[in-house]
Amino acid sequence: MAANDSLDLNPELLAAAGENTAWPFEEAKKIVARYAKTGLPQTVLFETGYGPSGLPHIGTFGEVARTTMVRHAFRILTQDKVKTRLLVFSDDMDGMRKIPDNVPDRAFLEPHLHKPLTSVPNPFGGDYASFGDHNNAMLRRFLDTFGFDYEFASATDYYRQGRFDATLLRAAECFDDIMKVMLPTLGEERQATYSPFLPISPKSGRVLYVPMKHVDAKAGTITFDDEDGEETTLPVTGGAVKLQWKPDFGMRWAALNVDFEMFGKDHQTNAPIYDRICEILGGRAPEHFVYELFLDETGQKISKSKGNGLTIDEWLTYAPTESLALYMFQKPRVAKKLYFDVIPRAVDEYYQFLSAYPKQDWKNRLGNPVWHIHDGNPPAIDLPVPFALLLNLVSVSNAQNKDVLWGFISRYASGVTPETHPELDRLTGYAIRYFDDFVKPSKVYRAADDVEREALAQLAQGLAELPETADGGVIQNAALNVARAIERYQDHTKKSPEGGPGVSVAFFQMLYQVLLGQERGPRFGSFAALYGIAETRALIKKALEGELTQ
């Protein structure tokens, strides 16, 4: 998802790219259209922002991963003739408004409230001079772990090194115009004291939210009363002053000539403000992409302070990075629940897309998420056992280590070993961890009633008549043959091959509940083939004898 390396630009791919409607291509086309009249520039700048008041989180990954996908699509559309950059910008000059919960000594930070994060001492100790520097280092380490191709930018460095000076002087000249944009968005009380400029107190070092007494555009200075009431004049340049966050958005876009930036839906109502201020300051607003926010399992917005929803470390404990990238790719404009139950499906969908890719034409390949996840070069991976099936194998085998699972897998798929299929071996570890932490605690077996006991007995007998090497399809048909003869499980809206009624899903739900202690499960035939016919019959025997519900 990262390397800015050479691309496959074969004619079939290029033709398909021009017609492709996958969202990264749609966003990339907006950037191409942006320069339709003037011609493409030497460099196109993609930007993503980061608030370093806390550690990087799953949303940080999503924003950088999605922006990288748009960047890659743009490179394809322009045949890689235009240089591209991805700037990850840290707003580390913001004042520390509250003390985070995850620091080792909250009292240590209390005297430094409202100072820029890069002026707050580092509560974690070590080699980083400030709290902001520490969190910035965590961000870079985080992004480097995933191999993203990016440039890091610190707001503190940019302000202090003068990289924003020309635009800040322009902001002083356009102070009244900026105020006309901002004041209607504020309440009456805030209007009375609002200023787009936030001076850094020369005495306390804190970021001050104070009204301006005078803005001297010619001198490039602002005058205000410091915290002790003393009238103070500071230059708007050199890092003595920063901008409020909404004007700062637009100022940054104008100063850096940003071409594309995506942000969450919580920014959507402010986007016109960012755009207008960018234009006032002589810039051109970038192309936007607004993505929906993630929800927890109850439908509440995920919040770092609440700690609801999944962290990226939690996801990556139970599933590979690529599955998370797929989750970020799919329907970014739709609010999605982000909790542990979504992981197995995301894992299996990723490998399904990967398996389909080699058989597709270029039109469908460019719509396949794995093309975007892997920068157009998806790996060739053979996965003979899906992740969901592995989870159920762990469940019934009580496997505590991968060797037990591989005993079943090697018998099911001849010649498949951890050495020949390292990706499958990696998934067995994930499956054991996921089962232990999330499936096992919620398993509830129920006893079978009289009709179900008879069905299970007939199923055991049907399995006994099959060769031990029967595949999943043969086993599935044997199970269906049992269910078709039982009135409870007949579905008269379906037809069997012989013309009689089909089989209701209630039959397989019963198998999951009685044999697996779960509400849902894999295709029964595939599961029994992997677990083994003899082992499946023994499982049914345990259920009939009441051992599973003890």
Protein backbone atom coordinates (compact mmCIF):
# COMPACT_ATOMS: atom_id res chain seq x y z
CA MET A 1 0.00 0.00 0.00
CA ALA A 2 2.92 2.29 -0.13
CA ALA A 3 5.92 2.24 -2.35
CA ASN A 4 6.13 5.04 -4.90
CA ASP A 5 7.84 2.70 -7.35
CA SER A 6 7.42 1.90 -11.04
CA LEU A 7 3.99 0.90 -12.28
CA ASP A 8 2.55 -1.59 -14.72
CA LEU A 9 1.17 0.69 -17.44
CA ASN A 10 0.09 -1.80 -20.08
CA PRO A 11 -2.46 -0.53 -22.67
CA GLU A 12 -5.29 -2.75 -21.40
CA LEU A 13 -4.87 -1.44 -17.86
CA LEU A 14 -4.76 2.19 -18.98
CA ALA A 15 -7.90 1.78 -21.09
CA ALA A 16 -9.75 0.15 -18.19
CA ALA A 17 -8.56 2.82 -15.74
CA GLY A 18 -10.14 5.61 -17.75
CA GLU A 19 -13.55 3.95 -17.45
CA ASN A 20 -13.26 2.55 -13.95
CA THR A 21 -15.75 3.76 -11.33
CA ALA A 22 -14.09 2.45 -8.16
CA TRP A 23 -14.05 5.35 -5.69
CA PRO A 24 -10.22 5.87 -5.73
CA PHE A 25 -10.39 6.34 -9.50
CA GLU A 26 -13.38 8.66 -9.20
CA GLU A 27 -11.46 10.84 -6.75
CA ALA A 28 -8.30 10.72 -8.87
CA LYS A 29 -10.29 11.84 -11.91
CA LYS A 30 -11.33 14.96 -9.99
CA ILE A 31 -7.67 15.86 -9.56
CA VAL A 32 -7.00 15.30 -13.26
CA ALA A 33 -10.01 17.48 -14.13
CA ARG A 34 -8.71 20.14 -11.75
CA TYR A 35 -5.89 20.79 -14.20
CA ALA A 36 -7.82 20.25 -17.42
CA LYS A 37 -7.43 23.92 -18.47
CA THR A 38 -3.94 24.65 -17.19
CA GLY A 39 -2.22 21.33 -17.72
CA LEU A 40 -0.88 19.13 -14.97
CA PRO A 41 1.76 20.63 -12.65
CA GLN A 42 5.14 19.08 -11.93
CA THR A 43 3.95 17.84 -8.54
CA VAL A 44 0.54 17.02 -7.09
CA LEU A 45 0.26 17.16 -3.30
CA PHE A 46 -1.91 14.80 -1.28
CA GLU A 47 -2.29 15.65 2.38
CA THR A 48 -3.69 14.02 5.48
CA GLY A 49 -3.85 15.54 8.95
CA TYR A 50 -3.10 14.13 12.39
CA GLY A 51 -3.91 15.46 15.83
CA PRO A 52 -0.98 14.39 18.08
CA SER A 53 -2.82 14.81 21.38
CA GLY A 54 -3.07 11.02 21.45
CA LEU A 55 -1.50 7.98 19.85
CA PRO A 56 -2.26 6.94 16.25
CA HIS A 57 -5.47 4.94 15.92
CA ILE A 58 -7.45 2.94 13.42
CA GLY A 59 -8.84 6.09 11.79
CA THR A 60 -5.28 7.33 11.18
CA PHE A 61 -4.53 4.13 9.31
CA GLY A 62 -7.75 4.45 7.31
CA GLU A 63 -7.10 8.02 6.24
CA VAL A 64 -3.53 7.37 5.08
CA ALA A 65 -4.44 4.05 3.43
CA ARG A 66 -7.37 5.56 1.53
CA THR A 67 -5.37 8.60 0.44
CA THR A 68 -2.62 6.26 -0.77
CA MET A 69 -5.21 4.41 -2.89
CA VAL A 70 -6.32 7.67 -4.54
CA ARG A 71 -2.71 8.64 -5.11
CA HIS A 72 -2.01 5.33 -6.83
CA ALA A 73 -5.10 5.66 -9.04
CA PHE A 74 -3.96 9.18 -10.01
CA ARG A 75 -0.53 7.86 -10.99
CA ILE A 76 -2.19 5.32 -13.28
CA LEU A 77 -4.51 7.88 -14.89
CA THR A 78 -1.59 10.23 -15.58
CA GLN A 79 0.69 7.36 -16.69
CA ASP A 80 3.00 8.29 -13.83
CA LYS A 81 4.20 11.41 -15.62
CA VAL A 82 3.45 13.69 -12.66
CA LYS A 83 5.37 13.57 -9.40
CA THR A 84 3.15 12.95 -6.37
CA ARG A 85 3.74 13.54 -2.67
CA LEU A 86 1.80 12.45 0.38
CA LEU A 87 2.25 14.84 3.28
CA VAL A 88 1.16 13.64 6.73
CA PHE A 89 0.72 16.87 8.67
CA SER A 90 0.79 16.90 12.47
CA ASP A 91 -1.06 19.75 14.19
CA ASP A 92 1.44 19.64 17.03
CA MET A 93 1.33 23.38 17.75
CA ASP A 94 -2.20 23.05 19.11
CA GLY A 95 -2.56 23.75 22.81
CA MET A 96 -3.02 20.80 25.16
CA ARG A 97 -6.60 21.46 26.26
CA LYS A 98 -6.88 18.44 28.55
CA ILE A 99 -4.56 15.83 29.98
CA PRO A 100 -4.84 12.47 28.20
CA ASP A 101 -5.88 9.45 30.25
CA ASN A 102 -2.99 7.25 29.09
CA VAL A 103 -0.06 9.25 30.48
CA PRO A 104 1.90 7.85 33.45
CA ASP A 105 1.71 10.99 35.64
CA ARG A 106 -1.18 13.36 35.02
CA ALA A 107 -0.04 15.78 37.73
CA PHE A 108 3.26 16.19 35.87
CA LEU A 109 1.39 17.71 32.92
CA GLU A 110 -1.06 19.94 34.77
CA PRO A 111 1.24 23.04 34.81
CA HIS A 112 1.54 22.77 31.03
CA LEU A 113 -2.13 22.85 30.06
CA HIS A 114 -2.81 25.02 26.98
CA LYS A 115 0.82 25.08 25.91
CA PRO A 116 1.60 23.85 22.37
CA LEU A 117 2.05 20.08 22.43
CA THR A 118 5.66 20.53 21.32
CA SER A 119 6.28 22.74 24.38
CA VAL A 120 4.80 20.23 26.85
CA PRO A 121 7.46 18.04 28.52
CA ASN A 122 7.38 14.39 27.53
CA PRO A 123 5.63 12.43 30.32
CA PHE A 124 7.01 9.16 28.95
CA GLY A 125 10.66 10.16 29.33
CA GLY A 126 13.19 8.89 26.81
CA ASP A 127 14.81 10.72 23.93
CA TYR A 128 11.89 12.90 22.83
CA ALA A 129 12.02 16.50 23.97
CA SER A 130 8.25 17.03 24.22
CA PHE A 131 4.91 15.28 24.41
CA GLY A 132 4.26 16.33 20.80
CA ASP A 133 7.62 14.98 19.65
CA HIS A 134 6.91 11.66 21.35
CA ASN A 135 3.50 11.30 19.72
CA ASN A 136 4.88 12.36 16.34
CA ALA A 137 7.52 9.64 16.64
CA MET A 138 4.79 7.13 17.44
CA LEU A 139 2.92 8.26 14.31
CA ARG A 140 5.98 7.82 12.09
CA ARG A 141 6.73 4.41 13.60
CA PHE A 142 3.09 3.46 13.09
CA LEU A 143 3.06 4.49 9.42
CA ASP A 144 6.46 2.96 8.76
CA THR A 145 5.22 -0.38 10.11
CA PHE A 146 2.75 -0.51 7.23
CA GLY A 147 5.28 0.67 4.66
CA PHE A 148 3.43 3.83 3.64
CA ASP A 149 5.27 6.21 1.33
CA TYR A 150 4.84 9.64 2.94
CA GLU A 151 6.57 12.79 4.13
CA PHE A 152 6.07 13.92 7.70
CA ALA A 153 5.38 17.57 8.52
CA SER A 154 5.25 19.26 11.92
CA ALA A 155 3.09 22.36 12.30
CA THR A 156 5.54 23.68 14.90
CA ASP A 157 8.44 23.35 12.46
CA TYR A 158 6.51 24.89 9.60
CA TYR A 159 5.40 27.88 11.69
CA ARG A 160 8.79 28.45 13.32
CA GLN A 161 10.82 27.96 10.14
CA GLY A 162 8.75 30.58 8.34
CA ARG A 163 7.16 28.25 5.81
CA PHE A 164 3.77 29.81 6.52
CA ASP A 165 5.02 33.40 6.93
CA ALA A 166 3.90 34.74 3.55
CA THR A 167 0.41 33.30 3.98
CA LEU A 168 0.18 34.52 7.59
CA LEU A 169 1.05 38.04 6.47
CA ARG A 170 -1.68 37.71 3.89
CA ALA A 171 -4.04 36.62 6.70
CA ALA A 172 -3.20 39.84 8.56
CA GLU A 173 -4.05 41.82 5.42
CA CYS A 174 -7.31 39.88 5.01
CA PHE A 175 -8.23 39.88 8.71
CA ASP A 176 -11.62 41.51 8.14
CA ASP A 177 -12.53 39.14 5.32
CA ILE A 178 -11.64 36.13 7.45
CA MET A 179 -13.73 37.50 10.31
CA LYS A 180 -16.70 37.88 7.96
CA VAL A 181 -16.45 34.18 7.18
CA MET A 182 -15.99 33.07 10.78
CA LEU A 183 -18.32 35.28 12.84
CA PRO A 184 -21.63 33.99 11.38
CA THR A 185 -20.59 30.47 12.41
CA LEU A 186 -20.20 31.44 16.09
CA GLY A 187 -22.52 32.13 19.00
CA GLU A 188 -23.02 35.69 20.23
CA GLU A 189 -20.70 35.32 23.23
CA ARG A 190 -17.89 33.80 21.18
CA GLN A 191 -18.25 36.46 18.48
CA ALA A 192 -17.33 39.13 21.01
CA THR A 193 -13.89 37.66 21.70
CA TYR A 194 -13.08 35.63 18.58
CA SER A 195 -9.87 36.06 16.64
CA PRO A 196 -8.45 33.79 13.94
CA PHE A 197 -5.00 34.55 15.40
CA LEU A 198 -3.93 32.73 18.57
CA PRO A 199 -0.85 34.34 20.10
CA ILE A 200 1.58 32.23 22.12
CA SER A 201 2.09 34.12 25.38
CA PRO A 202 5.74 35.25 25.65
CA LYS A 203 5.39 34.93 29.43
CA SER A 204 3.46 31.71 30.07
CA GLY A 205 4.04 29.92 26.76
CA ARG A 206 0.34 29.14 26.54
CA VAL A 207 -1.84 29.40 23.43
CA LEU A 208 -4.17 32.33 24.12
CA TYR A 209 -7.78 32.63 23.02
CA VAL A 210 -8.03 36.41 23.32
CA PRO A 211 -9.55 39.20 21.20
CA MET A 212 -7.30 41.36 19.07
CA LYS A 213 -6.92 45.01 20.05
CA HIS A 214 -5.21 45.79 16.76
CA VAL A 215 -4.05 44.00 13.63
CA ASP A 216 -1.36 45.91 11.72
CA ALA A 217 -1.28 44.40 8.26
CA LYS A 218 1.57 46.63 7.11
CA ALA A 219 3.79 45.70 10.05
CA GLY A 220 2.55 42.12 10.13
CA THR A 221 1.74 42.26 13.85
CA ILE A 222 -1.13 41.74 16.26
CA THR A 223 -1.75 43.50 19.55
CA PHE A 224 -3.63 41.94 22.47
CA ASP A 225 -3.66 41.80 26.26
CA ASP A 226 -1.54 38.99 27.68
CA GLU A 227 -2.81 36.86 30.57
CA ASP A 228 -1.56 39.36 33.14
CA GLY A 229 -3.36 42.21 31.36
CA GLU A 230 -0.25 43.75 29.82
CA GLU A 231 -0.74 44.94 26.24
CA THR A 232 1.55 42.91 23.99
CA THR A 233 2.44 43.08 20.30
CA LEU A 234 3.75 40.06 18.40
CA PRO A 235 4.61 39.37 14.78
CA VAL A 236 2.29 36.93 13.04
CA THR A 237 5.37 35.24 11.58
CA GLY A 238 8.08 32.97 12.95
CA GLY A 239 5.88 30.84 15.18
CA ALA A 240 4.91 33.59 17.61
CA VAL A 241 1.28 33.15 16.58
CA LYS A 242 -0.79 30.29 15.22
CA LEU A 243 -4.23 30.22 13.64
CA GLN A 244 -7.47 28.81 15.03
CA TRP A 245 -8.06 25.34 13.62
CA LYS A 246 -10.66 26.27 10.99
CA PRO A 247 -8.65 29.14 9.49
CA ASP A 248 -5.53 26.99 9.91
CA PHE A 249 -7.01 24.37 7.60
CA GLY A 250 -7.53 26.91 4.82
CA MET A 251 -4.20 28.65 5.46
CA ARG A 252 -2.30 25.38 5.17
CA TRP A 253 -4.06 24.49 1.92
CA ALA A 254 -3.17 27.89 0.47
CA ALA A 255 0.43 27.93 1.72
CA LEU A 256 1.27 24.41 0.53
CA ASN A 257 -0.87 24.22 -2.63
CA VAL A 258 -2.61 21.08 -1.44
CA ASP A 259 -4.48 19.27 -4.23
CA PHE A 260 -6.34 16.58 -2.31
CA GLU A 261 -7.35 15.99 1.30
CA MET A 262 -9.92 13.65 2.75
CA PHE A 263 -11.54 14.01 6.14
CA GLY A 264 -14.32 12.54 8.25
CA LYS A 265 -17.96 13.54 8.12
CA ASP A 266 -17.51 15.58 11.30
CA HIS A 267 -15.59 18.10 9.16
CA GLN A 268 -18.17 18.23 6.38
CA THR A 269 -20.08 21.31 7.58
CA ASN A 270 -16.78 23.19 8.01
CA ALA A 271 -15.40 22.33 4.58
CA PRO A 272 -16.91 25.44 2.92
CA ILE A 273 -15.21 27.54 5.62
CA TYR A 274 -11.85 25.91 4.96
CA ASP A 275 -12.34 26.44 1.23
CA ARG A 276 -13.34 30.09 1.52
CA ILE A 277 -10.42 30.99 3.77
CA CYS A 278 -8.03 29.20 1.41
CA GLU A 279 -9.38 31.31 -1.44
CA ILE A 280 -9.20 34.55 0.59
CA LEU A 281 -5.53 33.79 1.22
CA GLY A 282 -4.86 33.42 -2.49
CA GLY A 283 -5.03 29.63 -2.76
CA ARG A 284 -7.23 27.16 -4.56
CA ALA A 285 -9.17 24.79 -2.35
CA PRO A 286 -8.14 21.16 -2.82
CA GLU A 287 -10.38 18.36 -3.95
CA HIS A 288 -12.15 16.80 -0.98
CA PHE A 289 -13.33 13.36 -0.07
CA VAL A 290 -15.58 13.07 2.96
CA TYR A 291 -15.75 9.65 4.55
CA GLU A 292 -18.25 8.35 7.07
CA LEU A 293 -17.29 7.71 10.66
CA PHE A 294 -17.04 4.33 12.33
CA LEU A 295 -19.61 3.12 14.84
CA ASP A 296 -19.36 0.64 17.69
CA GLU A 297 -21.57 -2.45 17.90
CA THR A 298 -24.42 -0.41 19.43
CA GLY A 299 -24.31 2.16 16.61
CA GLN A 300 -22.58 4.88 18.63
CA LYS A 301 -19.79 6.97 17.10
CA ILE A 302 -16.38 5.60 18.03
CA SER A 303 -14.55 7.93 20.37
CA LYS A 304 -10.95 7.81 21.59
CA SER A 305 -12.04 9.23 24.95
CA LYS A 306 -14.82 6.65 25.37
CA GLY A 307 -12.59 3.79 24.25
CA ASN A 308 -15.47 2.12 22.42
CA GLY A 309 -14.90 0.24 19.19
CA LEU A 310 -11.75 -1.49 17.97
CA THR A 311 -8.20 -0.25 18.21
CA ILE A 312 -5.80 -1.03 15.40
CA ASP A 313 -3.69 -3.19 17.73
CA GLU A 314 -6.76 -5.24 18.57
CA TRP A 315 -7.62 -5.80 14.92
CA LEU A 316 -4.06 -6.79 14.05
CA THR A 317 -3.95 -9.23 16.96
CA TYR A 318 -6.66 -11.28 15.30
CA ALA A 319 -6.29 -10.67 11.58
CA PRO A 320 -3.77 -9.57 8.92
CA THR A 321 -3.29 -5.93 7.94
CA GLU A 322 -4.74 -6.57 4.47
CA SER A 323 -8.13 -7.43 5.97
CA LEU A 324 -8.20 -4.05 7.71
CA ALA A 325 -7.19 -2.33 4.46
CA LEU A 326 -10.11 -4.08 2.75
CA TYR A 327 -12.47 -2.84 5.45
CA MET A 328 -11.22 0.70 4.83
CA PHE A 329 -11.65 0.33 1.06
CA GLN A 330 -15.23 -0.89 1.13
CA LYS A 331 -18.01 1.75 1.11
CA PRO A 332 -16.06 4.60 2.73
CA ARG A 333 -19.08 6.91 2.46
CA VAL A 334 -21.26 4.54 4.51
CA ALA A 335 -21.14 4.47 8.30
CA LYS A 336 -19.90 1.04 9.35
CA LYS A 337 -19.75 -0.75 12.65
CA LEU A 338 -16.22 -1.45 13.75
CA TYR A 339 -16.15 -4.19 16.36
CA PHE A 340 -14.76 -7.69 16.75
CA ASP A 341 -17.53 -9.56 14.92
CA VAL A 342 -16.62 -7.92 11.60
CA ILE A 343 -13.09 -9.35 11.56
CA PRO A 344 -13.68 -12.93 10.30
CA ARG A 345 -15.81 -11.77 7.40
CA ALA A 346 -13.25 -9.12 6.41
CA VAL A 347 -10.49 -11.76 6.44
CA ASP A 348 -12.38 -14.21 4.25
CA GLU A 349 -13.55 -11.49 1.86
CA TYR A 350 -9.97 -10.33 1.38
CA TYR A 351 -8.81 -13.80 0.33
CA GLN A 352 -11.89 -14.27 -1.86
CA PHE A 353 -11.04 -11.07 -3.73
CA LEU A 354 -7.41 -12.18 -3.96
CA SER A 355 -8.43 -15.55 -5.37
CA ALA A 356 -10.70 -13.93 -7.99
CA TYR A 357 -8.10 -11.42 -9.19
CA PRO A 358 -6.01 -13.60 -11.59
CA LYS A 359 -9.14 -14.75 -13.43
CA GLN A 360 -10.49 -11.24 -14.02
CA ASP A 361 -10.11 -8.91 -16.98
CA TRP A 362 -8.60 -5.48 -16.40
CA LYS A 363 -11.97 -3.79 -15.97
CA ASN A 364 -12.85 -6.03 -13.06
CA ARG A 365 -9.33 -6.14 -11.68
CA LEU A 366 -9.32 -2.37 -11.22
CA GLY A 367 -12.58 -2.64 -9.32
CA ASN A 368 -11.20 -5.43 -7.15
CA PRO A 369 -10.14 -4.06 -3.73
CA VAL A 370 -6.89 -6.07 -3.71
CA TRP A 371 -5.59 -4.11 -6.70
CA HIS A 372 -5.90 -0.92 -4.65
CA ILE A 373 -4.66 -2.50 -1.41
CA HIS A 374 -1.47 -3.77 -3.06
CA ASP A 375 -0.72 -0.84 -5.39
CA GLY A 376 -1.68 -2.86 -8.45
CA ASN A 377 0.45 -5.89 -7.60
CA PRO A 378 -1.59 -8.35 -5.49
CA PRO A 379 0.31 -11.44 -4.32
CA ALA A 380 -0.57 -14.93 -5.56
CA ILE A 381 -1.81 -16.81 -2.50
CA ASP A 382 -3.51 -20.20 -2.36
CA LEU A 383 -5.73 -20.54 0.70
CA PRO A 384 -7.33 -24.00 0.77
CA VAL A 385 -9.16 -23.37 4.08
CA PRO A 386 -11.17 -20.17 4.72
CA PHE A 387 -10.67 -18.28 7.99
CA ALA A 388 -14.25 -18.88 9.18
CA LEU A 389 -13.72 -22.61 8.73
CA LEU A 390 -10.49 -22.44 10.70
CA LEU A 391 -12.35 -20.75 13.54
CA ASN A 392 -14.87 -23.57 13.69
CA LEU A 393 -12.13 -26.18 13.48
CA VAL A 394 -10.48 -24.54 16.51
CA SER A 395 -13.85 -24.60 18.25
CA VAL A 396 -14.57 -28.32 17.95
CA SER A 397 -10.97 -29.55 18.21
CA ASN A 398 -10.17 -27.41 21.28
CA ALA A 399 -6.86 -26.62 19.58
CA GLN A 400 -4.51 -24.57 21.72
CA ASN A 401 -1.65 -24.62 19.21
CA LYS A 402 -1.18 -24.65 15.47
CA ASP A 403 0.14 -28.21 15.35
CA VAL A 404 -3.29 -29.60 16.24
CA LEU A 405 -4.93 -27.60 13.46
CA TRP A 406 -2.33 -28.64 10.94
CA GLY A 407 -3.08 -32.27 11.72
CA PHE A 408 -6.61 -31.75 10.40
CA ILE A 409 -5.58 -29.45 7.55
CA SER A 410 -2.90 -31.79 6.16
CA ARG A 411 -5.34 -34.69 6.14
CA TYR A 412 -8.00 -32.54 4.44
CA ALA A 413 -5.69 -31.05 1.79
CA SER A 414 -2.94 -33.41 0.70
CA GLY A 415 0.49 -31.81 0.41
CA VAL A 416 -0.54 -28.63 2.26
CA THR A 417 1.93 -27.82 5.06
CA PRO A 418 3.02 -24.72 7.00
CA GLU A 419 6.04 -24.54 4.69
CA THR A 420 4.06 -24.76 1.42
CA HIS A 421 1.30 -22.42 2.66
CA PRO A 422 2.82 -19.86 5.08
CA GLU A 423 -0.21 -17.56 4.73
CA LEU A 424 -2.51 -20.30 5.95
CA ASP A 425 -0.10 -20.95 8.81
CA ARG A 426 -0.29 -17.28 9.73
CA LEU A 427 -4.10 -17.49 9.77
CA THR A 428 -4.10 -20.50 12.09
CA GLY A 429 -2.44 -18.35 14.75
CA TYR A 430 -4.99 -15.60 14.27
CA ALA A 431 -7.84 -18.14 14.45
CA ILE A 432 -6.66 -19.58 17.78
CA ARG A 433 -6.34 -16.12 19.34
CA TYR A 434 -9.70 -14.95 18.00
CA PHE A 435 -11.50 -18.09 19.17
CA ASP A 436 -9.99 -17.96 22.66
CA ASP A 437 -10.87 -14.30 23.22
CA PHE A 438 -14.22 -13.88 21.48
CA VAL A 439 -15.86 -17.12 20.39
CA LYS A 440 -15.15 -19.43 23.32
CA PRO A 441 -16.56 -17.12 26.05
CA SER A 442 -19.88 -16.77 24.18
CA LYS A 443 -20.41 -20.41 23.18
CA VAL A 444 -23.70 -21.85 24.48
CA TYR A 445 -24.60 -25.40 23.50
CA ARG A 446 -28.23 -26.42 23.68
CA ALA A 447 -29.76 -29.86 23.99
CA ALA A 448 -31.61 -31.32 21.01
CA ASP A 449 -35.35 -31.98 21.20
CA ASP A 450 -36.88 -35.26 20.02
CA VAL A 451 -37.15 -34.23 16.35
CA GLU A 452 -33.61 -32.89 16.36
CA ARG A 453 -32.24 -36.02 18.06
CA GLU A 454 -33.76 -38.16 15.33
CA ALA A 455 -32.32 -35.86 12.64
CA LEU A 456 -28.86 -36.03 14.23
CA ALA A 457 -29.02 -39.81 14.51
CA GLN A 458 -29.95 -40.09 10.84
CA LEU A 459 -27.16 -37.68 9.92
CA ALA A 460 -24.63 -39.78 11.84
CA GLN A 461 -25.86 -42.88 10.02
CA GLY A 462 -25.69 -41.09 6.65
CA LEU A 463 -22.12 -40.03 7.34
CA ALA A 464 -21.19 -43.59 8.33
CA GLU A 465 -22.15 -44.74 4.85
CA LEU A 466 -19.72 -42.32 3.19
CA PRO A 467 -16.06 -43.02 2.48
CA GLU A 468 -13.71 -41.22 4.86
CA THR A 469 -12.31 -39.34 1.87
CA ALA A 470 -15.69 -37.87 0.81
CA ASP A 471 -15.41 -34.22 -0.08
CA GLY A 472 -17.49 -31.33 1.22
CA GLY A 473 -20.02 -31.49 -1.61
CA VAL A 474 -20.79 -35.18 -1.03
CA ILE A 475 -21.13 -34.63 2.72
CA GLN A 476 -23.40 -31.61 2.20
CA ASN A 477 -25.70 -33.66 -0.04
CA ALA A 478 -25.88 -36.42 2.58
CA ALA A 479 -26.97 -33.83 5.16
CA LEU A 480 -29.56 -32.38 2.78
CA ASN A 481 -30.96 -35.84 2.09
CA VAL A 482 -31.57 -36.31 5.81
CA ALA A 483 -33.28 -32.94 6.19
CA ARG A 484 -35.53 -33.32 3.15
CA ALA A 485 -37.35 -36.24 4.75
CA ILE A 486 -38.12 -34.35 7.98
CA GLU A 487 -41.21 -32.13 7.82
CA ARG A 488 -39.82 -29.51 10.21
CA TYR A 489 -36.92 -28.81 7.87
CA GLN A 490 -38.80 -28.81 4.57
CA ASP A 491 -38.93 -25.52 2.68
CA HIS A 492 -41.76 -25.63 0.15
CA THR A 493 -40.53 -22.44 -1.55
CA LYS A 494 -37.51 -24.45 -2.76
CA LYS A 495 -37.26 -27.57 -4.90
CA SER A 496 -35.01 -30.58 -4.31
CA PRO A 497 -33.30 -32.24 -7.31
CA GLU A 498 -36.03 -34.89 -7.19
CA GLY A 499 -38.77 -32.26 -7.33
CA GLY A 500 -39.76 -32.38 -3.68
CA PRO A 501 -39.41 -29.58 -1.12
CA GLY A 502 -36.02 -28.05 -0.42
CA VAL A 503 -34.29 -27.67 2.93
CA SER A 504 -34.89 -24.84 5.37
CA VAL A 505 -31.95 -22.96 6.88
CA ALA A 506 -33.41 -24.00 10.25
CA PHE A 507 -31.76 -27.41 9.81
CA PHE A 508 -28.26 -25.98 9.62
CA GLN A 509 -29.00 -23.47 12.37
CA MET A 510 -29.87 -26.45 14.56
CA LEU A 511 -26.54 -28.10 13.70
CA TYR A 512 -24.62 -24.94 14.62
CA GLN A 513 -26.46 -24.50 17.92
CA VAL A 514 -26.32 -28.13 19.04
CA LEU A 515 -22.91 -29.18 17.69
CA LEU A 516 -20.93 -25.91 17.75
CA GLY A 517 -22.68 -23.86 20.44
CA GLN A 518 -23.01 -20.96 17.98
CA GLU A 519 -25.80 -19.20 16.10
CA ARG A 520 -23.91 -19.24 12.83
CA GLY A 521 -21.37 -21.51 11.23
CA PRO A 522 -19.66 -22.61 8.02
CA ARG A 523 -21.09 -24.72 5.24
CA PHE A 524 -21.63 -28.01 7.04
CA GLY A 525 -20.16 -30.21 4.30
CA SER A 526 -16.94 -28.19 4.16
CA PHE A 527 -16.63 -28.24 7.93
CA ALA A 528 -17.17 -32.01 8.21
CA ALA A 529 -14.69 -32.70 5.42
CA LEU A 530 -12.04 -30.64 7.22
CA TYR A 531 -12.79 -31.98 10.69
CA GLY A 532 -13.19 -35.54 9.44
CA ILE A 533 -16.25 -37.76 9.02
CA ALA A 534 -15.35 -39.97 11.98
CA GLU A 535 -14.72 -36.93 14.16
CA THR A 536 -18.01 -35.35 13.09
CA ARG A 537 -19.91 -38.53 13.95
CA ALA A 538 -18.17 -38.57 17.34
CA LEU A 539 -19.25 -34.94 17.86
CA ILE A 540 -22.86 -35.87 17.07
CA LYS A 541 -22.61 -38.77 19.56
CA LYS A 542 -21.42 -36.39 22.28
CA ALA A 543 -24.36 -34.09 21.55
CA LEU A 544 -26.86 -36.95 21.74
CA GLU A 545 -25.36 -38.15 25.02
CA GLY A 546 -25.53 -34.66 26.52
CA GLU A 547 -21.77 -34.22 26.90
CA LEU A 548 -21.63 -30.90 25.06
CA THR A 549 -24.16 -29.20 27.35
CA GLN A 550 -22.50 -30.26 30.58
